[in-house]
Amino acid sequence: MKKEKIEDALLKMGIPANIKGFAYITQAILLLDKEEWRYPKFTEIYKEIAKISKISSTNVERAIRIALEHARREKSKDGYEVANRYIGMINTTNSASLSQLYLMLKREEENEKNNA
C-alpha cells in the first residue's frame, strides 16, 4: 500500500498533517499491510512505532486516539462522511478504527487494480 494513499485518506477525513497522530496512523497502516503484522495485538504496533519514533507506546496510542477523535469531530459534511466510511462513528476504539481504515484502503486498492 502506498503511503500517499493513506495520507490522502487521513487528509480527506480532516486530520491535520501536522499532528503526531497523522504520522503514527500512517505508520500503523503500513505495518498492517505487512504479512507478519496482519492480525496483531495493537499494543505491539504501538510499541513498534514507539521504537521507530523514540517515544513511549502510551504516547503513540494517545496521539492516534486524538487524531481519530479529530476526524470524528469534523464539521464539514464531506469530512464527516469520509471519516464515517473509513473509521466509523460507532465503535471508536483505536484498534477497531485502524482495522476498518486498513480494510477500506485495501478494498480501494484492489478495486483500482481490477479496474485498471
PDB file of N, CA and C in Angstrom:
ATOM      1  N   MET A   1       0.853  -1.179   0.000  1.00  0.00           N
ATOM      2  CA  MET A   1       0.000   0.000   0.000  1.00  0.00           C
ATOM      3  C   MET A   1       0.898   1.241   0.000  1.00  0.00           C
ATOM      4  N   LYS A   2       0.495   2.230  -0.729  1.00  0.00           N
ATOM      5  CA  LYS A   2       1.301   3.442  -0.840  1.00  0.00           C
ATOM      6  C   LYS A   2       1.003   4.409   0.299  1.00  0.00           C
ATOM      7  N   LYS A   3       2.067   4.980   0.817  1.00  0.00           N
ATOM      8  CA  LYS A   3       1.966   5.945   1.907  1.00  0.00           C
ATOM      9  C   LYS A   3       1.080   7.128   1.510  1.00  0.00           C
ATOM     10  N   GLU A   4       1.180   7.568   0.253  1.00  0.00           N
ATOM     11  CA  GLU A   4       0.401   8.712  -0.225  1.00  0.00           C
ATOM     12  C   GLU A   4      -1.104   8.442  -0.155  1.00  0.00           C
ATOM     13  N   LYS A   5      -1.506   7.212  -0.438  1.00  0.00           N
ATOM     14  CA  LYS A   5      -2.929   6.844  -0.391  1.00  0.00           C
ATOM     15  C   LYS A   5      -3.462   6.959   1.036  1.00  0.00           C
ATOM     16  N   ILE A   6      -2.679   6.504   1.983  1.00  0.00           N
ATOM     17  CA  ILE A   6      -3.066   6.588   3.393  1.00  0.00           C
ATOM     18  C   ILE A   6      -3.181   8.050   3.811  1.00  0.00           C
ATOM     19  N   GLU A   7      -2.171   8.833   3.477  1.00  0.00           N
ATOM     20  CA  GLU A   7      -2.161  10.245   3.844  1.00  0.00           C
ATOM     21  C   GLU A   7      -3.337  10.992   3.204  1.00  0.00           C
ATOM     22  N   ASP A   8      -3.644  10.689   1.960  1.00  0.00           N
ATOM     23  CA  ASP A   8      -4.792  11.324   1.292  1.00  0.00           C
ATOM     24  C   ASP A   8      -6.093  11.028   2.040  1.00  0.00           C
ATOM     25  N   ALA A   9      -6.269   9.782   2.458  1.00  0.00           N
ATOM     26  CA  ALA A   9      -7.483   9.412   3.188  1.00  0.00           C
ATOM     27  C   ALA A   9      -7.570  10.158   4.517  1.00  0.00           C
ATOM     28  N   LEU A  10      -6.452  10.267   5.220  1.00  0.00           N
ATOM     29  CA  LEU A  10      -6.436  10.981   6.503  1.00  0.00           C
ATOM     30  C   LEU A  10      -6.761  12.456   6.312  1.00  0.00           C
ATOM     31  N   LEU A  11      -6.208  13.049   5.267  1.00  0.00           N
ATOM     32  CA  LEU A  11      -6.498  14.456   4.989  1.00  0.00           C
ATOM     33  C   LEU A  11      -7.967  14.648   4.625  1.00  0.00           C
ATOM     34  N   LYS A  12      -8.532  13.745   3.857  1.00  0.00           N
ATOM     35  CA  LYS A  12      -9.948  13.836   3.490  1.00  0.00           C
ATOM     36  C   LYS A  12     -10.852  13.732   4.712  1.00  0.00           C
ATOM     37  N   MET A  13     -10.389  12.985   5.726  1.00  0.00           N
ATOM     38  CA  MET A  13     -11.161  12.860   6.968  1.00  0.00           C
ATOM     39  C   MET A  13     -11.046  14.101   7.843  1.00  0.00           C
ATOM     40  N   GLY A  14     -10.129  14.983   7.500  1.00  0.00           N
ATOM     41  CA  GLY A  14      -9.961  16.206   8.280  1.00  0.00           C
ATOM     42  C   GLY A  14      -8.899  16.125   9.345  1.00  0.00           C
ATOM     43  N   ILE A  15      -8.046  15.105   9.293  1.00  0.00           N
ATOM     44  CA  ILE A  15      -6.955  15.001  10.257  1.00  0.00           C
ATOM     45  C   ILE A  15      -5.807  15.874   9.755  1.00  0.00           C
ATOM     46  N   PRO A  16      -5.381  16.859  10.548  1.00  0.00           N
ATOM     47  CA  PRO A  16      -4.290  17.735  10.110  1.00  0.00           C
ATOM     48  C   PRO A  16      -2.970  16.968   9.977  1.00  0.00           C
ATOM     49  N   ALA A  17      -2.228  17.266   8.953  1.00  0.00           N
ATOM     50  CA  ALA A  17      -0.959  16.583   8.705  1.00  0.00           C
ATOM     51  C   ALA A  17       0.112  16.956   9.724  1.00  0.00           C
ATOM     52  N   ASN A  18      -0.097  18.030  10.461  1.00  0.00           N
ATOM     53  CA  ASN A  18       0.944  18.494  11.394  1.00  0.00           C
ATOM     54  C   ASN A  18       0.810  17.923  12.800  1.00  0.00           C
ATOM     55  N   ILE A  19      -0.132  17.016  13.031  1.00  0.00           N
ATOM     56  CA  ILE A  19      -0.212  16.400  14.364  1.00  0.00           C
ATOM     57  C   ILE A  19       0.456  15.022  14.319  1.00  0.00           C
ATOM     58  N   LYS A  20       1.016  14.621  15.445  1.00  0.00           N
ATOM     59  CA  LYS A  20       1.781  13.376  15.508  1.00  0.00           C
ATOM     60  C   LYS A  20       0.948  12.160  15.141  1.00  0.00           C
ATOM     61  N   GLY A  21      -0.324  12.157  15.537  1.00  0.00           N
ATOM     62  CA  GLY A  21      -1.191  11.023  15.254  1.00  0.00           C
ATOM     63  C   GLY A  21      -1.310  10.726  13.772  1.00  0.00           C
ATOM     64  N   PHE A  22      -1.225  11.759  12.952  1.00  0.00           N
ATOM     65  CA  PHE A  22      -1.283  11.588  11.495  1.00  0.00           C
ATOM     66  C   PHE A  22      -0.157  10.658  11.035  1.00  0.00           C
ATOM     67  N   ALA A  23       1.057  10.938  11.470  1.00  0.00           N
ATOM     68  CA  ALA A  23       2.209  10.112  11.088  1.00  0.00           C
ATOM     69  C   ALA A  23       2.116   8.718  11.696  1.00  0.00           C
ATOM     70  N   TYR A  24       1.646   8.613  12.934  1.00  0.00           N
ATOM     71  CA  TYR A  24       1.568   7.315  13.599  1.00  0.00           C
ATOM     72  C   TYR A  24       0.496   6.430  12.967  1.00  0.00           C
ATOM     73  N   ILE A  25      -0.630   7.017  12.566  1.00  0.00           N
ATOM     74  CA  ILE A  25      -1.665   6.236  11.876  1.00  0.00           C
ATOM     75  C   ILE A  25      -1.106   5.728  10.552  1.00  0.00           C
ATOM     76  N   THR A  26      -0.398   6.590   9.844  1.00  0.00           N
ATOM     77  CA  THR A  26       0.209   6.186   8.575  1.00  0.00           C
ATOM     78  C   THR A  26       1.153   5.008   8.797  1.00  0.00           C
ATOM     79  N   GLN A  27       1.999   5.102   9.811  1.00  0.00           N
ATOM     80  CA  GLN A  27       2.929   4.010  10.113  1.00  0.00           C
ATOM     81  C   GLN A  27       2.180   2.730  10.494  1.00  0.00           C
ATOM     82  N   ALA A  28       1.111   2.867  11.277  1.00  0.00           N
ATOM     83  CA  ALA A  28       0.343   1.697  11.697  1.00  0.00           C
ATOM     84  C   ALA A  28      -0.271   0.982  10.498  1.00  0.00           C
ATOM     85  N   ILE A  29      -0.828   1.736   9.556  1.00  0.00           N
ATOM     86  CA  ILE A  29      -1.439   1.126   8.377  1.00  0.00           C
ATOM     87  C   ILE A  29      -0.374   0.452   7.516  1.00  0.00           C
ATOM     88  N   LEU A  30       0.783   1.080   7.381  1.00  0.00           N
ATOM     89  CA  LEU A  30       1.871   0.460   6.621  1.00  0.00           C
ATOM     90  C   LEU A  30       2.331  -0.844   7.284  1.00  0.00           C
ATOM     91  N   LEU A  31       2.359  -0.879   8.609  1.00  0.00           N
ATOM     92  CA  LEU A  31       2.704  -2.120   9.311  1.00  0.00           C
ATOM     93  C   LEU A  31       1.637  -3.183   9.087  1.00  0.00           C
ATOM     94  N   LEU A  32       0.371  -2.806   9.164  1.00  0.00           N
ATOM     95  CA  LEU A  32      -0.715  -3.768   8.956  1.00  0.00           C
ATOM     96  C   LEU A  32      -0.669  -4.388   7.561  1.00  0.00           C
ATOM     97  N   ASP A  33      -0.092  -3.680   6.627  1.00  0.00           N
ATOM     98  CA  ASP A  33      -0.014  -4.173   5.253  1.00  0.00           C
ATOM     99  C   ASP A  33       1.069  -5.242   5.086  1.00  0.00           C
ATOM    100  N   LYS A  34       1.924  -5.394   6.083  1.00  0.00           N
ATOM    101  CA  LYS A  34       2.947  -6.444   6.037  1.00  0.00           C
ATOM    102  C   LYS A  34       2.355  -7.729   6.606  1.00  0.00           C
ATOM    103  N   GLU A  35       2.654  -8.832   5.968  1.00  0.00           N
ATOM    104  CA  GLU A  35       2.065 -10.125   6.342  1.00  0.00           C
ATOM    105  C   GLU A  35       2.250 -10.450   7.824  1.00  0.00           C
ATOM    106  N   GLU A  36       3.444 -10.193   8.350  1.00  0.00           N
ATOM    107  CA  GLU A  36       3.713 -10.556   9.752  1.00  0.00           C
ATOM    108  C   GLU A  36       2.937  -9.712  10.757  1.00  0.00           C
ATOM    109  N   TRP A  37       2.360  -8.593  10.307  1.00  0.00           N
ATOM    110  CA  TRP A  37       1.587  -7.715  11.194  1.00  0.00           C
ATOM    111  C   TRP A  37       0.095  -7.771  10.890  1.00  0.00           C
ATOM    112  N   ARG A  38      -0.356  -8.684  10.079  1.00  0.00           N
ATOM    113  CA  ARG A  38      -1.735  -8.686   9.600  1.00  0.00           C
ATOM    114  C   ARG A  38      -2.773  -8.754  10.729  1.00  0.00           C
ATOM    115  N   TYR A  39      -2.557  -9.587  11.726  1.00  0.00           N
ATOM    116  CA  TYR A  39      -3.537  -9.731  12.817  1.00  0.00           C
ATOM    117  C   TYR A  39      -2.841  -9.555  14.165  1.00  0.00           C
ATOM    118  N   PRO A  40      -2.334  -8.368  14.425  1.00  0.00           N
ATOM    119  CA  PRO A  40      -1.536  -8.163  15.633  1.00  0.00           C
ATOM    120  C   PRO A  40      -2.381  -7.744  16.827  1.00  0.00           C
ATOM    121  N   LYS A  41      -1.736  -7.758  17.973  1.00  0.00           N
ATOM    122  CA  LYS A  41      -2.263  -7.023  19.111  1.00  0.00           C
ATOM    123  C   LYS A  41      -1.804  -5.589  18.862  1.00  0.00           C
ATOM    124  N   PHE A  42      -2.704  -4.664  18.967  1.00  0.00           N
ATOM    125  CA  PHE A  42      -2.338  -3.295  18.623  1.00  0.00           C
ATOM    126  C   PHE A  42      -1.321  -2.706  19.586  1.00  0.00           C
ATOM    127  N   THR A  43      -1.223  -3.244  20.775  1.00  0.00           N
ATOM    128  CA  THR A  43      -0.177  -2.771  21.680  1.00  0.00           C
ATOM    129  C   THR A  43       1.199  -3.042  21.082  1.00  0.00           C
ATOM    130  N   GLU A  44       1.322  -4.116  20.310  1.00  0.00           N
ATOM    131  CA  GLU A  44       2.595  -4.422  19.652  1.00  0.00           C
ATOM    132  C   GLU A  44       2.893  -3.416  18.541  1.00  0.00           C
ATOM    133  N   ILE A  45       1.858  -3.004  17.833  1.00  0.00           N
ATOM    134  CA  ILE A  45       2.042  -1.979  16.801  1.00  0.00           C
ATOM    135  C   ILE A  45       2.481  -0.672  17.448  1.00  0.00           C
ATOM    136  N   TYR A  46       1.831  -0.295  18.566  1.00  0.00           N
ATOM    137  CA  TYR A  46       2.235   0.930  19.264  1.00  0.00           C
ATOM    138  C   TYR A  46       3.698   0.849  19.692  1.00  0.00           C
ATOM    139  N   LYS A  47       4.105  -0.315  20.190  1.00  0.00           N
ATOM    140  CA  LYS A  47       5.498  -0.489  20.629  1.00  0.00           C
ATOM    141  C   LYS A  47       6.461  -0.347  19.456  1.00  0.00           C
ATOM    142  N   GLU A  48       6.099  -0.916  18.305  1.00  0.00           N
ATOM    143  CA  GLU A  48       6.966  -0.827  17.129  1.00  0.00           C
ATOM    144  C   GLU A  48       7.101   0.621  16.655  1.00  0.00           C
ATOM    145  N   ILE A  49       5.984   1.341  16.607  1.00  0.00           N
ATOM    146  CA  ILE A  49       6.022   2.751  16.202  1.00  0.00           C
ATOM    147  C   ILE A  49       6.801   3.567  17.228  1.00  0.00           C
ATOM    148  N   ALA A  50       6.618   3.260  18.505  1.00  0.00           N
ATOM    149  CA  ALA A  50       7.339   3.967  19.571  1.00  0.00           C
ATOM    150  C   ALA A  50       8.843   3.764  19.434  1.00  0.00           C
ATOM    151  N   LYS A  51       9.237   2.543  19.101  1.00  0.00           N
ATOM    152  CA  LYS A  51      10.655   2.242  18.922  1.00  0.00           C
ATOM    153  C   LYS A  51      11.227   3.062  17.761  1.00  0.00           C
ATOM    154  N   ILE A  52      10.490   3.136  16.666  1.00  0.00           N
ATOM    155  CA  ILE A  52      10.924   3.904  15.497  1.00  0.00           C
ATOM    156  C   ILE A  52      11.004   5.402  15.840  1.00  0.00           C
ATOM    157  N   SER A  53       9.988   5.888  16.574  1.00  0.00           N
ATOM    158  CA  SER A  53       9.875   7.320  16.868  1.00  0.00           C
ATOM    159  C   SER A  53      10.608   7.753  18.130  1.00  0.00           C
ATOM    160  N   LYS A  54      11.139   6.788  18.866  1.00  0.00           N
ATOM    161  CA  LYS A  54      11.867   7.049  20.106  1.00  0.00           C
ATOM    162  C   LYS A  54      11.007   7.779  21.151  1.00  0.00           C
ATOM    163  N   ILE A  55       9.775   7.275  21.318  1.00  0.00           N
ATOM    164  CA  ILE A  55       8.865   7.771  22.356  1.00  0.00           C
ATOM    165  C   ILE A  55       8.203   6.566  23.011  1.00  0.00           C
ATOM    166  N   SER A  56       7.314   6.793  23.961  1.00  0.00           N
ATOM    167  CA  SER A  56       6.650   5.675  24.617  1.00  0.00           C
ATOM    168  C   SER A  56       5.457   5.196  23.797  1.00  0.00           C
ATOM    169  N   SER A  57       5.115   3.935  23.972  1.00  0.00           N
ATOM    170  CA  SER A  57       3.951   3.381  23.267  1.00  0.00           C
ATOM    171  C   SER A  57       2.661   4.040  23.752  1.00  0.00           C
ATOM    172  N   THR A  58       2.642   4.502  24.990  1.00  0.00           N
ATOM    173  CA  THR A  58       1.478   5.224  25.511  1.00  0.00           C
ATOM    174  C   THR A  58       1.264   6.523  24.744  1.00  0.00           C
ATOM    175  N   ASN A  59       2.356   7.213  24.440  1.00  0.00           N
ATOM    176  CA  ASN A  59       2.253   8.454  23.664  1.00  0.00           C
ATOM    177  C   ASN A  59       1.768   8.186  22.246  1.00  0.00           C
ATOM    178  N   VAL A  60       2.194   7.074  21.661  1.00  0.00           N
ATOM    179  CA  VAL A  60       1.724   6.699  20.320  1.00  0.00           C
ATOM    180  C   VAL A  60       0.223   6.446  20.363  1.00  0.00           C
ATOM    181  N   GLU A  61      -0.217   5.647  21.317  1.00  0.00           N
ATOM    182  CA  GLU A  61      -1.651   5.324  21.432  1.00  0.00           C
ATOM    183  C   GLU A  61      -2.468   6.590  21.607  1.00  0.00           C
ATOM    184  N   ARG A  62      -2.025   7.481  22.481  1.00  0.00           N
ATOM    185  CA  ARG A  62      -2.746   8.716  22.758  1.00  0.00           C
ATOM    186  C   ARG A  62      -2.813   9.610  21.518  1.00  0.00           C
ATOM    187  N   ALA A  63      -1.697   9.744  20.814  1.00  0.00           N
ATOM    188  CA  ALA A  63      -1.664  10.590  19.615  1.00  0.00           C
ATOM    189  C   ALA A  63      -2.603  10.048  18.531  1.00  0.00           C
ATOM    190  N   ILE A  64      -2.646   8.736  18.380  1.00  0.00           N
ATOM    191  CA  ILE A  64      -3.564   8.126  17.406  1.00  0.00           C
ATOM    192  C   ILE A  64      -5.004   8.377  17.823  1.00  0.00           C
ATOM    193  N   ARG A  65      -5.298   8.190  19.108  1.00  0.00           N
ATOM    194  CA  ARG A  65      -6.665   8.407  19.606  1.00  0.00           C
ATOM    195  C   ARG A  65      -7.111   9.848  19.367  1.00  0.00           C
ATOM    196  N   ILE A  66      -6.228  10.794  19.648  1.00  0.00           N
ATOM    197  CA  ILE A  66      -6.556  12.211  19.454  1.00  0.00           C
ATOM    198  C   ILE A  66      -6.810  12.508  17.976  1.00  0.00           C
ATOM    199  N   ALA A  67      -5.981  11.957  17.097  1.00  0.00           N
ATOM    200  CA  ALA A  67      -6.172  12.180  15.657  1.00  0.00           C
ATOM    201  C   ALA A  67      -7.500  11.592  15.182  1.00  0.00           C
ATOM    202  N   LEU A  68      -7.840  10.401  15.646  1.00  0.00           N
ATOM    203  CA  LEU A  68      -9.105   9.776  15.250  1.00  0.00           C
ATOM    204  C   LEU A  68     -10.297  10.558  15.794  1.00  0.00           C
ATOM    205  N   GLU A  69     -10.178  11.052  17.025  1.00  0.00           N
ATOM    206  CA  GLU A  69     -11.244  11.890  17.593  1.00  0.00           C
ATOM    207  C   GLU A  69     -11.412  13.172  16.787  1.00  0.00           C
ATOM    208  N   HIS A  70     -10.306  13.702  16.315  1.00  0.00           N
ATOM    209  CA  HIS A  70     -10.342  14.910  15.489  1.00  0.00           C
ATOM    210  C   HIS A  70     -11.168  14.643  14.229  1.00  0.00           C
ATOM    211  N   ALA A  71     -10.936  13.506  13.608  1.00  0.00           N
ATOM    212  CA  ALA A  71     -11.692  13.147  12.397  1.00  0.00           C
ATOM    213  C   ALA A  71     -13.178  12.989  12.709  1.00  0.00           C
ATOM    214  N   ARG A  72     -13.497  12.417  13.858  1.00  0.00           N
ATOM    215  CA  ARG A  72     -14.905  12.205  14.216  1.00  0.00           C
ATOM    216  C   ARG A  72     -15.621  13.512  14.549  1.00  0.00           C
ATOM    217  N   ARG A  73     -14.866  14.534  14.915  1.00  0.00           N
ATOM    218  CA  ARG A  73     -15.462  15.838  15.205  1.00  0.00           C
ATOM    219  C   ARG A  73     -15.530  16.735  13.974  1.00  0.00           C
ATOM    220  N   GLU A  74     -15.075  16.238  12.828  1.00  0.00           N
ATOM    221  CA  GLU A  74     -15.036  17.036  11.593  1.00  0.00           C
ATOM    222  C   GLU A  74     -16.430  17.594  11.305  1.00  0.00           C
ATOM    223  N   LYS A  75     -16.494  18.896  11.095  1.00  0.00           N
ATOM    224  CA  LYS A  75     -17.777  19.581  10.916  1.00  0.00           C
ATOM    225  C   LYS A  75     -18.286  19.559   9.479  1.00  0.00           C
ATOM    226  N   SER A  76     -17.371  19.525   8.513  1.00  0.00           N
ATOM    227  CA  SER A  76     -17.837  19.564   7.131  1.00  0.00           C
ATOM    228  C   SER A  76     -18.538  18.258   6.776  1.00  0.00           C
ATOM    229  N   LYS A  77     -19.532  18.362   5.938  1.00  0.00           N
ATOM    230  CA  LYS A  77     -20.306  17.184   5.539  1.00  0.00           C
ATOM    231  C   LYS A  77     -19.412  16.140   4.875  1.00  0.00           C
ATOM    232  N   ASP A  78     -18.545  16.589   3.966  1.00  0.00           N
ATOM    233  CA  ASP A  78     -17.678  15.654   3.252  1.00  0.00           C
ATOM    234  C   ASP A  78     -16.716  14.960   4.211  1.00  0.00           C
ATOM    235  N   GLY A  79     -16.103  15.725   5.093  1.00  0.00           N
ATOM    236  CA  GLY A  79     -15.166  15.151   6.062  1.00  0.00           C
ATOM    237  C   GLY A  79     -15.837  14.143   6.960  1.00  0.00           C
ATOM    238  N   TYR A  80     -17.055  14.447   7.413  1.00  0.00           N
ATOM    239  CA  TYR A  80     -17.797  13.525   8.275  1.00  0.00           C
ATOM    240  C   TYR A  80     -18.095  12.230   7.535  1.00  0.00           C
ATOM    241  N   GLU A  81     -18.564  12.343   6.299  1.00  0.00           N
ATOM    242  CA  GLU A  81     -18.912  11.151   5.522  1.00  0.00           C
ATOM    243  C   GLU A  81     -17.681  10.290   5.243  1.00  0.00           C
ATOM    244  N   VAL A  82     -16.574  10.931   4.928  1.00  0.00           N
ATOM    245  CA  VAL A  82     -15.341  10.183   4.670  1.00  0.00           C
ATOM    246  C   VAL A  82     -14.879   9.495   5.948  1.00  0.00           C
ATOM    247  N   ALA A  83     -14.901  10.204   7.070  1.00  0.00           N
ATOM    248  CA  ALA A  83     -14.490   9.611   8.348  1.00  0.00           C
ATOM    249  C   ALA A  83     -15.395   8.444   8.707  1.00  0.00           C
ATOM    250  N   ASN A  84     -16.687   8.588   8.496  1.00  0.00           N
ATOM    251  CA  ASN A  84     -17.622   7.504   8.793  1.00  0.00           C
ATOM    252  C   ASN A  84     -17.312   6.280   7.937  1.00  0.00           C
ATOM    253  N   ARG A  85     -16.982   6.501   6.688  1.00  0.00           N
ATOM    254  CA  ARG A  85     -16.677   5.392   5.785  1.00  0.00           C
ATOM    255  C   ARG A  85     -15.365   4.704   6.174  1.00  0.00           C
ATOM    256  N   TYR A  86     -14.346   5.472   6.467  1.00  0.00           N
ATOM    257  CA  TYR A  86     -13.033   4.894   6.736  1.00  0.00           C
ATOM    258  C   TYR A  86     -12.844   4.374   8.156  1.00  0.00           C
ATOM    259  N   ILE A  87     -13.370   5.072   9.160  1.00  0.00           N
ATOM    260  CA  ILE A  87     -13.104   4.657  10.543  1.00  0.00           C
ATOM    261  C   ILE A  87     -14.361   4.410  11.362  1.00  0.00           C
ATOM    262  N   GLY A  88     -15.528   4.772  10.838  1.00  0.00           N
ATOM    263  CA  GLY A  88     -16.772   4.547  11.566  1.00  0.00           C
ATOM    264  C   GLY A  88     -16.963   5.529  12.697  1.00  0.00           C
ATOM    265  N   MET A  89     -18.206   5.685  13.094  1.00  0.00           N
ATOM    266  CA  MET A  89     -18.532   6.618  14.170  1.00  0.00           C
ATOM    267  C   MET A  89     -19.055   5.898  15.411  1.00  0.00           C
ATOM    268  N   ILE A  90     -19.254   4.600  15.319  1.00  0.00           N
ATOM    269  CA  ILE A  90     -19.854   3.869  16.436  1.00  0.00           C
ATOM    270  C   ILE A  90     -18.790   3.199  17.306  1.00  0.00           C
ATOM    271  N   ASN A  91     -18.042   2.270  16.747  1.00  0.00           N
ATOM    272  CA  ASN A  91     -17.013   1.575  17.514  1.00  0.00           C
ATOM    273  C   ASN A  91     -15.747   2.410  17.458  1.00  0.00           C
ATOM    274  N   THR A  92     -15.485   3.138  18.512  1.00  0.00           N
ATOM    275  CA  THR A  92     -14.449   4.172  18.451  1.00  0.00           C
ATOM    276  C   THR A  92     -13.124   3.781  19.103  1.00  0.00           C
ATOM    277  N   THR A  93     -12.848   2.500  19.236  1.00  0.00           N
ATOM    278  CA  THR A  93     -11.541   2.129  19.764  1.00  0.00           C
ATOM    279  C   THR A  93     -10.487   2.315  18.678  1.00  0.00           C
ATOM    280  N   ASN A  94      -9.262   2.559  19.100  1.00  0.00           N
ATOM    281  CA  ASN A  94      -8.181   2.695  18.128  1.00  0.00           C
ATOM    282  C   ASN A  94      -8.066   1.452  17.257  1.00  0.00           C
ATOM    283  N   SER A  95      -8.082   0.286  17.883  1.00  0.00           N
ATOM    284  CA  SER A  95      -7.882  -0.944  17.118  1.00  0.00           C
ATOM    285  C   SER A  95      -8.989  -1.154  16.090  1.00  0.00           C
ATOM    286  N   ALA A  96     -10.243  -0.898  16.469  1.00  0.00           N
ATOM    287  CA  ALA A  96     -11.343  -1.052  15.518  1.00  0.00           C
ATOM    288  C   ALA A  96     -11.236  -0.036  14.390  1.00  0.00           C
ATOM    289  N   SER A  97     -10.890   1.187  14.731  1.00  0.00           N
ATOM    290  CA  SER A  97     -10.775   2.240  13.720  1.00  0.00           C
ATOM    291  C   SER A  97      -9.625   1.973  12.758  1.00  0.00           C
ATOM    292  N   LEU A  98      -8.477   1.582  13.286  1.00  0.00           N
ATOM    293  CA  LEU A  98      -7.331   1.293  12.427  1.00  0.00           C
ATOM    294  C   LEU A  98      -7.592   0.078  11.548  1.00  0.00           C
ATOM    295  N   SER A  99      -8.241  -0.937  12.101  1.00  0.00           N
ATOM    296  CA  SER A  99      -8.571  -2.125  11.309  1.00  0.00           C
ATOM    297  C   SER A  99      -9.528  -1.780  10.182  1.00  0.00           C
ATOM    298  N   GLN A 100     -10.549  -0.981  10.480  1.00  0.00           N
ATOM    299  CA  GLN A 100     -11.503  -0.577   9.452  1.00  0.00           C
ATOM    300  C   GLN A 100     -10.829   0.288   8.393  1.00  0.00           C
ATOM    301  N   LEU A 101      -9.984   1.210   8.816  1.00  0.00           N
ATOM    302  CA  LEU A 101      -9.265   2.058   7.869  1.00  0.00           C
ATOM    303  C   LEU A 101      -8.411   1.206   6.935  1.00  0.00           C
ATOM    304  N   TYR A 102      -7.685   0.253   7.496  1.00  0.00           N
ATOM    305  CA  TYR A 102      -6.856  -0.629   6.677  1.00  0.00           C
ATOM    306  C   TYR A 102      -7.718  -1.402   5.685  1.00  0.00           C
ATOM    307  N   LEU A 103      -8.800  -1.973   6.155  1.00  0.00           N
ATOM    308  CA  LEU A 103      -9.678  -2.765   5.298  1.00  0.00           C
ATOM    309  C   LEU A 103     -10.242  -1.927   4.148  1.00  0.00           C
ATOM    310  N   MET A 104     -10.702  -0.729   4.448  1.00  0.00           N
ATOM    311  CA  MET A 104     -11.285   0.128   3.411  1.00  0.00           C
ATOM    312  C   MET A 104     -10.225   0.550   2.388  1.00  0.00           C
ATOM    313  N   LEU A 105      -9.041   0.894   2.844  1.00  0.00           N
ATOM    314  CA  LEU A 105      -7.974   1.276   1.925  1.00  0.00           C
ATOM    315  C   LEU A 105      -7.539   0.089   1.060  1.00  0.00           C
ATOM    316  N   LYS A 106      -7.491  -1.098   1.658  1.00  0.00           N
ATOM    317  CA  LYS A 106      -7.111  -2.301   0.910  1.00  0.00           C
ATOM    318  C   LYS A 106      -8.157  -2.603  -0.160  1.00  0.00           C
ATOM    319  N   ARG A 107      -9.434  -2.469   0.179  1.00  0.00           N
ATOM    320  CA  ARG A 107     -10.502  -2.694  -0.804  1.00  0.00           C
ATOM    321  C   ARG A 107     -10.393  -1.705  -1.965  1.00  0.00           C
ATOM    322  N   GLU A 108     -10.156  -0.453  -1.648  1.00  0.00           N
ATOM    323  CA  GLU A 108      -9.993   0.554  -2.701  1.00  0.00           C
ATOM    324  C   GLU A 108      -8.827   0.209  -3.612  1.00  0.00           C
ATOM    325  N   GLU A 109      -7.742  -0.221  -3.009  1.00  0.00           N
ATOM    326  CA  GLU A 109      -6.555  -0.582  -3.783  1.00  0.00           C
ATOM    327  C   GLU A 109      -6.859  -1.757  -4.725  1.00  0.00           C
ATOM    328  N   GLU A 110      -7.572  -2.756  -4.228  1.00  0.00           N
ATOM    329  CA  GLU A 110      -7.930  -3.915  -5.048  1.00  0.00           C
ATOM    330  C   GLU A 110      -8.891  -3.522  -6.165  1.00  0.00           C
ATOM    331  N   ASN A 111      -9.850  -2.652  -5.866  1.00  0.00           N
ATOM    332  CA  ASN A 111     -10.785  -2.178  -6.895  1.00  0.00           C
ATOM    333  C   ASN A 111     -10.054  -1.406  -7.989  1.00  0.00           C
ATOM    334  N   GLU A 112      -9.079  -0.607  -7.599  1.00  0.00           N
ATOM    335  CA  GLU A 112      -8.298   0.147  -8.585  1.00  0.00           C
ATOM    336  C   GLU A 112      -7.514  -0.800  -9.490  1.00  0.00           C
ATOM    337  N   LYS A 113      -6.951  -1.863  -8.917  1.00  0.00           N
ATOM    338  CA  LYS A 113      -6.214  -2.837  -9.715  1.00  0.00           C
ATOM    339  C   LYS A 113      -7.133  -3.570 -10.684  1.00  0.00           C
ATOM    340  N   ASN A 114      -8.331  -3.926 -10.205  1.00  0.00           N
ATOM    341  CA  ASN A 114      -9.282  -4.651 -11.053  1.00  0.00           C
ATOM    342  C   ASN A 114      -9.828  -3.796 -12.171  1.00  0.00           C
ATOM    343  N   ASN A 115      -9.933  -2.487 -11.938  1.00  0.00           N
ATOM    344  CA  ASN A 115     -10.479  -1.566 -12.955  1.00  0.00           C
ATOM    345  C   ASN A 115      -9.408  -1.063 -13.912  1.00  0.00           C
ATOM    346  N   ALA A 116      -8.154  -1.352 -13.615  1.00  0.00           N
ATOM    347  CA  ALA A 116      -7.063  -0.866 -14.476  1.00  0.00           C
ATOM    348  C   ALA A 116      -6.878  -1.726 -15.708  1.00  0.00           C
TER     349      ALA A 116
END
